[in-house]
Amino acid sequence: MIIAIDGPAGSGKSTISKLVAKDLDLIYLDTGAMYRLVTLKALKMGILDENLENLDKINELLDNLEIDIREDGFYLDGVDVSEEIRKPIVSENVSKIAAIKEVRIKMVDLQRAFSKAKNVILDGRDIGTVVFPNADLKVFLVADARERANRRYKELTEKGENVSLEEIYQNILMRDKIDSTREEAPLKKAEDAVEVDTTSKNIDEVKEKILNLYKNL
């Protein structure tokens, strides 16, 4: 069983996927966190200060990439970086890293290997279109950009981050543009995906909508 949850930044993909995974006893794979781990690695290597078209640097990063997704968090080079990958500096750069062909090939291979012969729910930008085009259920979450910014602002401020709501909003608009216009696996709704607008819905309403879709397969 493969359930694909796609959508733009802040549409609620991760939160909803975790809840659905718990209710249906599925394994949850946060593919967005995988790209955040690569982005953090790029920051630590100083690659983002250089030309991202330098394939030697990108290949060096990927060749030395050690990521691990465990029940207790996300690990980079053996260190738990679960909080670090959610920081604004990573959010501001993740779409740039995710647009690189070599990075996407590596991540898609890892996602498919992880999900092989398992009952999995995955969320991302291209799960239903590229990673698992034959997924049993495809959902495309959308939400107003202002609402998505408000959600992310609340999430970060509750963690004690000193952030600007307007900067988060502008970052979301930028990520939407990069994600939807990139050459490699752009963000788009699969033809057979069910679109769910989460703008005016609470978490439980969205979860129940997806559970009902699952029941009617």
C-alpha atoms as a PDB file:
ATOM      1  CA  MET A   1       0.000   0.000   0.000  1.00  0.00           C
ATOM      2  CA  ILE A   2       1.386   3.368  -1.061  1.00  0.00           C
ATOM      3  CA  ILE A   3      -0.350   6.647  -0.219  1.00  0.00           C
ATOM      4  CA  ALA A   4       1.109   9.783  -1.819  1.00  0.00           C
ATOM      5  CA  ILE A   5       0.465  13.182  -0.252  1.00  0.00           C
ATOM      6  CA  ASP A   6       1.731  16.094  -2.337  1.00  0.00           C
ATOM      7  CA  GLY A   7       1.388  19.844  -2.047  1.00  0.00           C
ATOM      8  CA  PRO A   8       3.194  23.145  -1.539  1.00  0.00           C
ATOM      9  CA  ALA A   9       5.080  24.265   1.572  1.00  0.00           C
ATOM     10  CA  GLY A  10       2.894  24.700   4.628  1.00  0.00           C
ATOM     11  CA  SER A  11      -0.172  22.936   3.233  1.00  0.00           C
ATOM     12  CA  GLY A  12      -0.155  20.471   6.132  1.00  0.00           C
ATOM     13  CA  LYS A  13       1.353  17.445   4.400  1.00  0.00           C
ATOM     14  CA  SER A  14       3.618  16.240   7.216  1.00  0.00           C
ATOM     15  CA  THR A  15       1.115  16.770  10.022  1.00  0.00           C
ATOM     16  CA  ILE A  16      -1.698  15.021   8.180  1.00  0.00           C
ATOM     17  CA  SER A  17       0.515  12.191   6.917  1.00  0.00           C
ATOM     18  CA  LYS A  18       1.687  11.380  10.444  1.00  0.00           C
ATOM     19  CA  LEU A  19      -1.893  11.201  11.712  1.00  0.00           C
ATOM     20  CA  VAL A  20      -3.099   9.064   8.804  1.00  0.00           C
ATOM     21  CA  ALA A  21      -0.088   6.765   9.233  1.00  0.00           C
ATOM     22  CA  LYS A  22      -0.978   6.248  12.887  1.00  0.00           C
ATOM     23  CA  ASP A  23      -4.642   5.527  12.181  1.00  0.00           C
ATOM     24  CA  LEU A  24      -3.915   3.093   9.332  1.00  0.00           C
ATOM     25  CA  ASP A  25      -0.785   1.572  10.853  1.00  0.00           C
ATOM     26  CA  LEU A  26       1.397   2.700   7.943  1.00  0.00           C
ATOM     27  CA  ILE A  27       5.060   3.658   7.878  1.00  0.00           C
ATOM     28  CA  TYR A  28       5.484   7.406   7.387  1.00  0.00           C
ATOM     29  CA  LEU A  29       8.338   8.747   5.265  1.00  0.00           C
ATOM     30  CA  ASP A  30       8.904  12.509   5.414  1.00  0.00           C
ATOM     31  CA  THR A  31      10.582  13.076   2.045  1.00  0.00           C
ATOM     32  CA  GLY A  32      10.706  16.818   2.651  1.00  0.00           C
ATOM     33  CA  ALA A  33      12.967  16.179   5.627  1.00  0.00           C
ATOM     34  CA  MET A  34      15.282  14.196   3.358  1.00  0.00           C
ATOM     35  CA  TYR A  35      15.793  17.245   1.154  1.00  0.00           C
ATOM     36  CA  ARG A  36      16.260  19.361   4.276  1.00  0.00           C
ATOM     37  CA  LEU A  37      19.031  17.013   5.394  1.00  0.00           C
ATOM     38  CA  VAL A  38      20.781  17.455   2.050  1.00  0.00           C
ATOM     39  CA  THR A  39      20.329  21.233   2.326  1.00  0.00           C
ATOM     40  CA  LEU A  40      21.837  21.274   5.805  1.00  0.00           C
ATOM     41  CA  LYS A  41      24.777  19.249   4.513  1.00  0.00           C
ATOM     42  CA  ALA A  42      25.216  21.766   1.686  1.00  0.00           C
ATOM     43  CA  LEU A  43      25.187  24.634   4.189  1.00  0.00           C
ATOM     44  CA  LYS A  44      27.795  22.920   6.340  1.00  0.00           C
ATOM     45  CA  MET A  45      29.984  22.333   3.269  1.00  0.00           C
ATOM     46  CA  GLY A  46      29.572  25.926   2.084  1.00  0.00           C
ATOM     47  CA  ILE A  47      28.178  24.816  -1.238  1.00  0.00           C
ATOM     48  CA  LEU A  48      25.363  27.362  -1.171  1.00  0.00           C
ATOM     49  CA  ASP A  49      27.949  30.119  -1.200  1.00  0.00           C
ATOM     50  CA  GLU A  50      29.117  28.861  -4.583  1.00  0.00           C
ATOM     51  CA  ASN A  51      27.566  28.106  -7.939  1.00  0.00           C
ATOM     52  CA  LEU A  52      25.047  25.297  -7.489  1.00  0.00           C
ATOM     53  CA  GLU A  53      25.788  24.208 -11.050  1.00  0.00           C
ATOM     54  CA  ASN A  54      29.207  23.003  -9.866  1.00  0.00           C
ATOM     55  CA  LEU A  55      28.482  19.290 -10.228  1.00  0.00           C
ATOM     56  CA  ASP A  56      31.796  18.297  -8.669  1.00  0.00           C
ATOM     57  CA  LYS A  57      30.677  19.871  -5.389  1.00  0.00           C
ATOM     58  CA  ILE A  58      27.180  18.396  -5.644  1.00  0.00           C
ATOM     59  CA  ASN A  59      28.520  14.930  -6.374  1.00  0.00           C
ATOM     60  CA  GLU A  60      30.981  15.263  -3.494  1.00  0.00           C
ATOM     61  CA  LEU A  61      28.068  16.085  -1.210  1.00  0.00           C
ATOM     62  CA  LEU A  62      25.999  13.125  -2.424  1.00  0.00           C
ATOM     63  CA  ASP A  63      28.933  10.699  -2.290  1.00  0.00           C
ATOM     64  CA  ASN A  64      29.567  11.630   1.347  1.00  0.00           C
ATOM     65  CA  LEU A  65      25.927  11.896   2.378  1.00  0.00           C
ATOM     66  CA  GLU A  66      25.026   9.884   5.460  1.00  0.00           C
ATOM     67  CA  ILE A  67      21.397  10.337   6.428  1.00  0.00           C
ATOM     68  CA  ASP A  68      19.247   8.199   8.661  1.00  0.00           C
ATOM     69  CA  ILE A  69      15.543   8.469   9.435  1.00  0.00           C
ATOM     70  CA  ARG A  70      14.700   6.900  12.772  1.00  0.00           C
ATOM     71  CA  GLU A  71      11.655   6.887  15.003  1.00  0.00           C
ATOM     72  CA  ASP A  72      13.353   9.379  17.321  1.00  0.00           C
ATOM     73  CA  GLY A  73      14.451  11.843  14.651  1.00  0.00           C
ATOM     74  CA  PHE A  74      16.482  12.744  11.575  1.00  0.00           C
ATOM     75  CA  TYR A  75      20.216  12.131  11.563  1.00  0.00           C
ATOM     76  CA  LEU A  76      22.982  13.653   9.442  1.00  0.00           C
ATOM     77  CA  ASP A  77      26.439  12.115   9.730  1.00  0.00           C
ATOM     78  CA  GLY A  78      25.347  10.332  12.890  1.00  0.00           C
ATOM     79  CA  VAL A  79      24.057  13.482  14.611  1.00  0.00           C
ATOM     80  CA  ASP A  80      20.394  14.176  15.449  1.00  0.00           C
ATOM     81  CA  VAL A  81      19.519  17.342  13.502  1.00  0.00           C
ATOM     82  CA  SER A  82      15.732  17.132  13.804  1.00  0.00           C
ATOM     83  CA  GLU A  83      15.453  20.706  15.094  1.00  0.00           C
ATOM     84  CA  GLU A  84      18.230  22.133  12.942  1.00  0.00           C
ATOM     85  CA  ILE A  85      16.643  21.108   9.636  1.00  0.00           C
ATOM     86  CA  ARG A  86      13.506  23.110  10.517  1.00  0.00           C
ATOM     87  CA  LYS A  87      15.362  26.396  10.981  1.00  0.00           C
ATOM     88  CA  PRO A  88      14.580  29.296   8.586  1.00  0.00           C
ATOM     89  CA  ILE A  89      18.007  29.167   6.909  1.00  0.00           C
ATOM     90  CA  VAL A  90      17.240  25.620   5.742  1.00  0.00           C
ATOM     91  CA  SER A  91      13.697  26.538   4.661  1.00  0.00           C
ATOM     92  CA  GLU A  92      15.066  29.433   2.636  1.00  0.00           C
ATOM     93  CA  ASN A  93      17.412  27.182   0.662  1.00  0.00           C
ATOM     94  CA  VAL A  94      15.775  23.766   0.435  1.00  0.00           C
ATOM     95  CA  SER A  95      13.932  24.487  -2.829  1.00  0.00           C
ATOM     96  CA  LYS A  96      17.210  25.443  -4.519  1.00  0.00           C
ATOM     97  CA  ILE A  97      18.818  22.152  -3.508  1.00  0.00           C
ATOM     98  CA  ALA A  98      15.702  20.144  -4.381  1.00  0.00           C
ATOM     99  CA  ALA A  99      15.747  21.560  -7.918  1.00  0.00           C
ATOM    100  CA  ILE A 100      19.107  19.923  -8.696  1.00  0.00           C
ATOM    101  CA  LYS A 101      18.708  16.866 -10.934  1.00  0.00           C
ATOM    102  CA  GLU A 102      21.444  14.813  -9.253  1.00  0.00           C
ATOM    103  CA  VAL A 103      19.960  15.435  -5.815  1.00  0.00           C
ATOM    104  CA  ARG A 104      16.478  14.391  -6.919  1.00  0.00           C
ATOM    105  CA  ILE A 105      17.750  11.186  -8.541  1.00  0.00           C
ATOM    106  CA  LYS A 106      19.533  10.249  -5.305  1.00  0.00           C
ATOM    107  CA  MET A 107      16.522  11.027  -3.120  1.00  0.00           C
ATOM    108  CA  VAL A 108      14.014   9.237  -5.345  1.00  0.00           C
ATOM    109  CA  ASP A 109      16.215   6.119  -5.313  1.00  0.00           C
ATOM    110  CA  LEU A 110      16.350   6.251  -1.507  1.00  0.00           C
ATOM    111  CA  GLN A 111      12.586   6.805  -1.216  1.00  0.00           C
ATOM    112  CA  ARG A 112      11.795   3.860  -3.463  1.00  0.00           C
ATOM    113  CA  ALA A 113      14.272   1.605  -1.664  1.00  0.00           C
ATOM    114  CA  PHE A 114      12.856   2.555   1.720  1.00  0.00           C
ATOM    115  CA  SER A 115       9.265   1.910   0.610  1.00  0.00           C
ATOM    116  CA  LYS A 116       9.846  -1.404  -1.156  1.00  0.00           C
ATOM    117  CA  ALA A 117       7.457  -4.121   0.024  1.00  0.00           C
ATOM    118  CA  LYS A 118       6.095  -1.875   2.800  1.00  0.00           C
ATOM    119  CA  ASN A 119       2.802  -0.145   3.557  1.00  0.00           C
ATOM    120  CA  VAL A 120       3.890   3.481   3.400  1.00  0.00           C
ATOM    121  CA  ILE A 121       2.549   7.013   3.311  1.00  0.00           C
ATOM    122  CA  LEU A 122       4.913   9.577   1.807  1.00  0.00           C
ATOM    123  CA  ASP A 123       4.545  13.319   1.486  1.00  0.00           C
ATOM    124  CA  GLY A 124       6.396  15.689  -0.791  1.00  0.00           C
ATOM    125  CA  ARG A 125       6.166  17.561  -4.092  1.00  0.00           C
ATOM    126  CA  ASP A 126       6.467  14.757  -6.657  1.00  0.00           C
ATOM    127  CA  ILE A 127       5.424  11.561  -4.887  1.00  0.00           C
ATOM    128  CA  GLY A 128       2.325  10.954  -7.000  1.00  0.00           C
ATOM    129  CA  THR A 129       3.865  12.168 -10.249  1.00  0.00           C
ATOM    130  CA  VAL A 130       7.442  10.829 -10.174  1.00  0.00           C
ATOM    131  CA  VAL A 131       8.356   8.708  -7.158  1.00  0.00           C
ATOM    132  CA  PHE A 132       5.233   6.520  -7.122  1.00  0.00           C
ATOM    133  CA  PRO A 133       3.039   7.326 -10.141  1.00  0.00           C
ATOM    134  CA  ASN A 134       1.141   4.072  -9.456  1.00  0.00           C
ATOM    135  CA  ALA A 135       0.401   4.857  -5.799  1.00  0.00           C
ATOM    136  CA  ASP A 136      -2.828   3.346  -4.473  1.00  0.00           C
ATOM    137  CA  LEU A 137      -4.081   6.737  -3.309  1.00  0.00           C
ATOM    138  CA  LYS A 138      -2.913  10.199  -4.335  1.00  0.00           C
ATOM    139  CA  VAL A 139      -3.887  13.373  -2.496  1.00  0.00           C
ATOM    140  CA  PHE A 140      -2.866  16.924  -3.392  1.00  0.00           C
ATOM    141  CA  LEU A 141      -3.171  19.361  -0.497  1.00  0.00           C
ATOM    142  CA  VAL A 142      -3.488  23.085  -1.159  1.00  0.00           C
ATOM    143  CA  ALA A 143      -3.993  26.140   1.038  1.00  0.00           C
ATOM    144  CA  ASP A 144      -3.904  29.915   0.735  1.00  0.00           C
ATOM    145  CA  ALA A 145      -0.330  31.237   0.935  1.00  0.00           C
ATOM    146  CA  ARG A 146      -1.172  33.625   3.797  1.00  0.00           C
ATOM    147  CA  GLU A 147      -2.711  30.793   5.777  1.00  0.00           C
ATOM    148  CA  ARG A 148       0.344  28.615   5.165  1.00  0.00           C
ATOM    149  CA  ALA A 149       2.599  31.436   6.342  1.00  0.00           C
ATOM    150  CA  ASN A 150       0.533  31.891   9.501  1.00  0.00           C
ATOM    151  CA  ARG A 151       0.823  28.168  10.265  1.00  0.00           C
ATOM    152  CA  ARG A 152       4.593  28.151   9.807  1.00  0.00           C
ATOM    153  CA  TYR A 153       4.954  31.351  11.880  1.00  0.00           C
ATOM    154  CA  LYS A 154       2.966  29.819  14.744  1.00  0.00           C
ATOM    155  CA  GLU A 155       5.000  26.612  14.555  1.00  0.00           C
ATOM    156  CA  LEU A 156       8.348  28.431  14.697  1.00  0.00           C
ATOM    157  CA  THR A 157       7.409  30.968  17.374  1.00  0.00           C
ATOM    158  CA  GLU A 158       6.129  28.154  19.599  1.00  0.00           C
ATOM    159  CA  LYS A 159       9.633  26.686  19.333  1.00  0.00           C
ATOM    160  CA  GLY A 160      11.130  30.009  20.436  1.00  0.00           C
ATOM    161  CA  GLU A 161      12.374  31.085  16.997  1.00  0.00           C
ATOM    162  CA  ASN A 162      12.628  34.830  16.367  1.00  0.00           C
ATOM    163  CA  VAL A 163      11.009  35.054  12.930  1.00  0.00           C
ATOM    164  CA  SER A 164       9.072  37.553  10.819  1.00  0.00           C
ATOM    165  CA  LEU A 165       5.635  36.612   9.486  1.00  0.00           C
ATOM    166  CA  GLU A 166       6.202  38.674   6.337  1.00  0.00           C
ATOM    167  CA  GLU A 167       9.562  37.018   5.679  1.00  0.00           C
ATOM    168  CA  ILE A 168       7.957  33.586   6.052  1.00  0.00           C
ATOM    169  CA  TYR A 169       5.197  34.607   3.644  1.00  0.00           C
ATOM    170  CA  GLN A 170       7.695  35.837   1.056  1.00  0.00           C
ATOM    171  CA  ASN A 171       9.747  32.657   1.502  1.00  0.00           C
ATOM    172  CA  ILE A 172       6.666  30.522   0.842  1.00  0.00           C
ATOM    173  CA  LEU A 173       5.892  32.489  -2.327  1.00  0.00           C
ATOM    174  CA  MET A 174       9.497  32.033  -3.457  1.00  0.00           C
ATOM    175  CA  ARG A 175       9.437  28.294  -2.711  1.00  0.00           C
ATOM    176  CA  ASP A 176       6.131  27.902  -4.560  1.00  0.00           C
ATOM    177  CA  LYS A 177       7.643  29.552  -7.639  1.00  0.00           C
ATOM    178  CA  ILE A 178      10.851  27.502  -7.553  1.00  0.00           C
ATOM    179  CA  ASP A 179       9.038  24.225  -6.824  1.00  0.00           C
ATOM    180  CA  SER A 180       6.412  24.655  -9.548  1.00  0.00           C
ATOM    181  CA  THR A 181       8.726  25.944 -12.290  1.00  0.00           C
ATOM    182  CA  ARG A 182      11.835  23.798 -11.810  1.00  0.00           C
ATOM    183  CA  GLU A 183      12.847  21.556 -14.676  1.00  0.00           C
ATOM    184  CA  GLU A 184      13.225  18.407 -12.595  1.00  0.00           C
ATOM    185  CA  ALA A 185      10.000  16.932 -11.161  1.00  0.00           C
ATOM    186  CA  PRO A 186       8.101  20.199 -10.619  1.00  0.00           C
ATOM    187  CA  LEU A 187       5.367  20.506  -8.038  1.00  0.00           C
ATOM    188  CA  LYS A 188       2.087  19.664  -9.736  1.00  0.00           C
ATOM    189  CA  LYS A 189      -1.067  17.716  -9.106  1.00  0.00           C
ATOM    190  CA  ALA A 190      -1.163  14.222 -10.580  1.00  0.00           C
ATOM    191  CA  GLU A 191      -4.069  13.740 -12.954  1.00  0.00           C
ATOM    192  CA  ASP A 192      -5.607  11.075 -10.715  1.00  0.00           C
ATOM    193  CA  ALA A 193      -4.952  12.860  -7.410  1.00  0.00           C
ATOM    194  CA  VAL A 194      -7.756  14.157  -5.207  1.00  0.00           C
ATOM    195  CA  GLU A 195      -7.300  17.837  -4.352  1.00  0.00           C
ATOM    196  CA  VAL A 196      -8.073  18.875  -0.776  1.00  0.00           C
ATOM    197  CA  ASP A 197      -8.076  22.561   0.188  1.00  0.00           C
ATOM    198  CA  THR A 198      -6.980  22.800   3.831  1.00  0.00           C
ATOM    199  CA  THR A 199      -7.301  26.601   4.154  1.00  0.00           C
ATOM    200  CA  SER A 200     -10.514  26.588   6.178  1.00  0.00           C
ATOM    201  CA  LYS A 201     -10.304  23.032   7.497  1.00  0.00           C
ATOM    202  CA  ASN A 202      -8.855  21.869  10.789  1.00  0.00           C
ATOM    203  CA  ILE A 203      -6.469  18.939  11.057  1.00  0.00           C
ATOM    204  CA  ASP A 204      -9.142  16.421  12.021  1.00  0.00           C
ATOM    205  CA  GLU A 205     -11.335  17.384   9.066  1.00  0.00           C
ATOM    206  CA  VAL A 206      -8.502  16.880   6.605  1.00  0.00           C
ATOM    207  CA  LYS A 207      -7.506  13.595   8.224  1.00  0.00           C
ATOM    208  CA  GLU A 208     -11.063  12.255   8.043  1.00  0.00           C
ATOM    209  CA  LYS A 209     -11.313  13.266   4.396  1.00  0.00           C
ATOM    210  CA  ILE A 210      -8.215  11.216   3.543  1.00  0.00           C
ATOM    211  CA  LEU A 211      -9.327   8.265   5.690  1.00  0.00           C
ATOM    212  CA  ASN A 212     -12.635   8.237   3.825  1.00  0.00           C
ATOM    213  CA  LEU A 213     -10.806   8.278   0.490  1.00  0.00           C
ATOM    214  CA  TYR A 214      -8.789   5.292   1.704  1.00  0.00           C
ATOM    215  CA  LYS A 215     -11.888   3.400   2.800  1.00  0.00           C
ATOM    216  CA  ASN A 216     -13.452   3.898  -0.630  1.00  0.00           C
ATOM    217  CA  LEU A 217     -10.478   2.514  -2.585  1.00  0.00           C
END
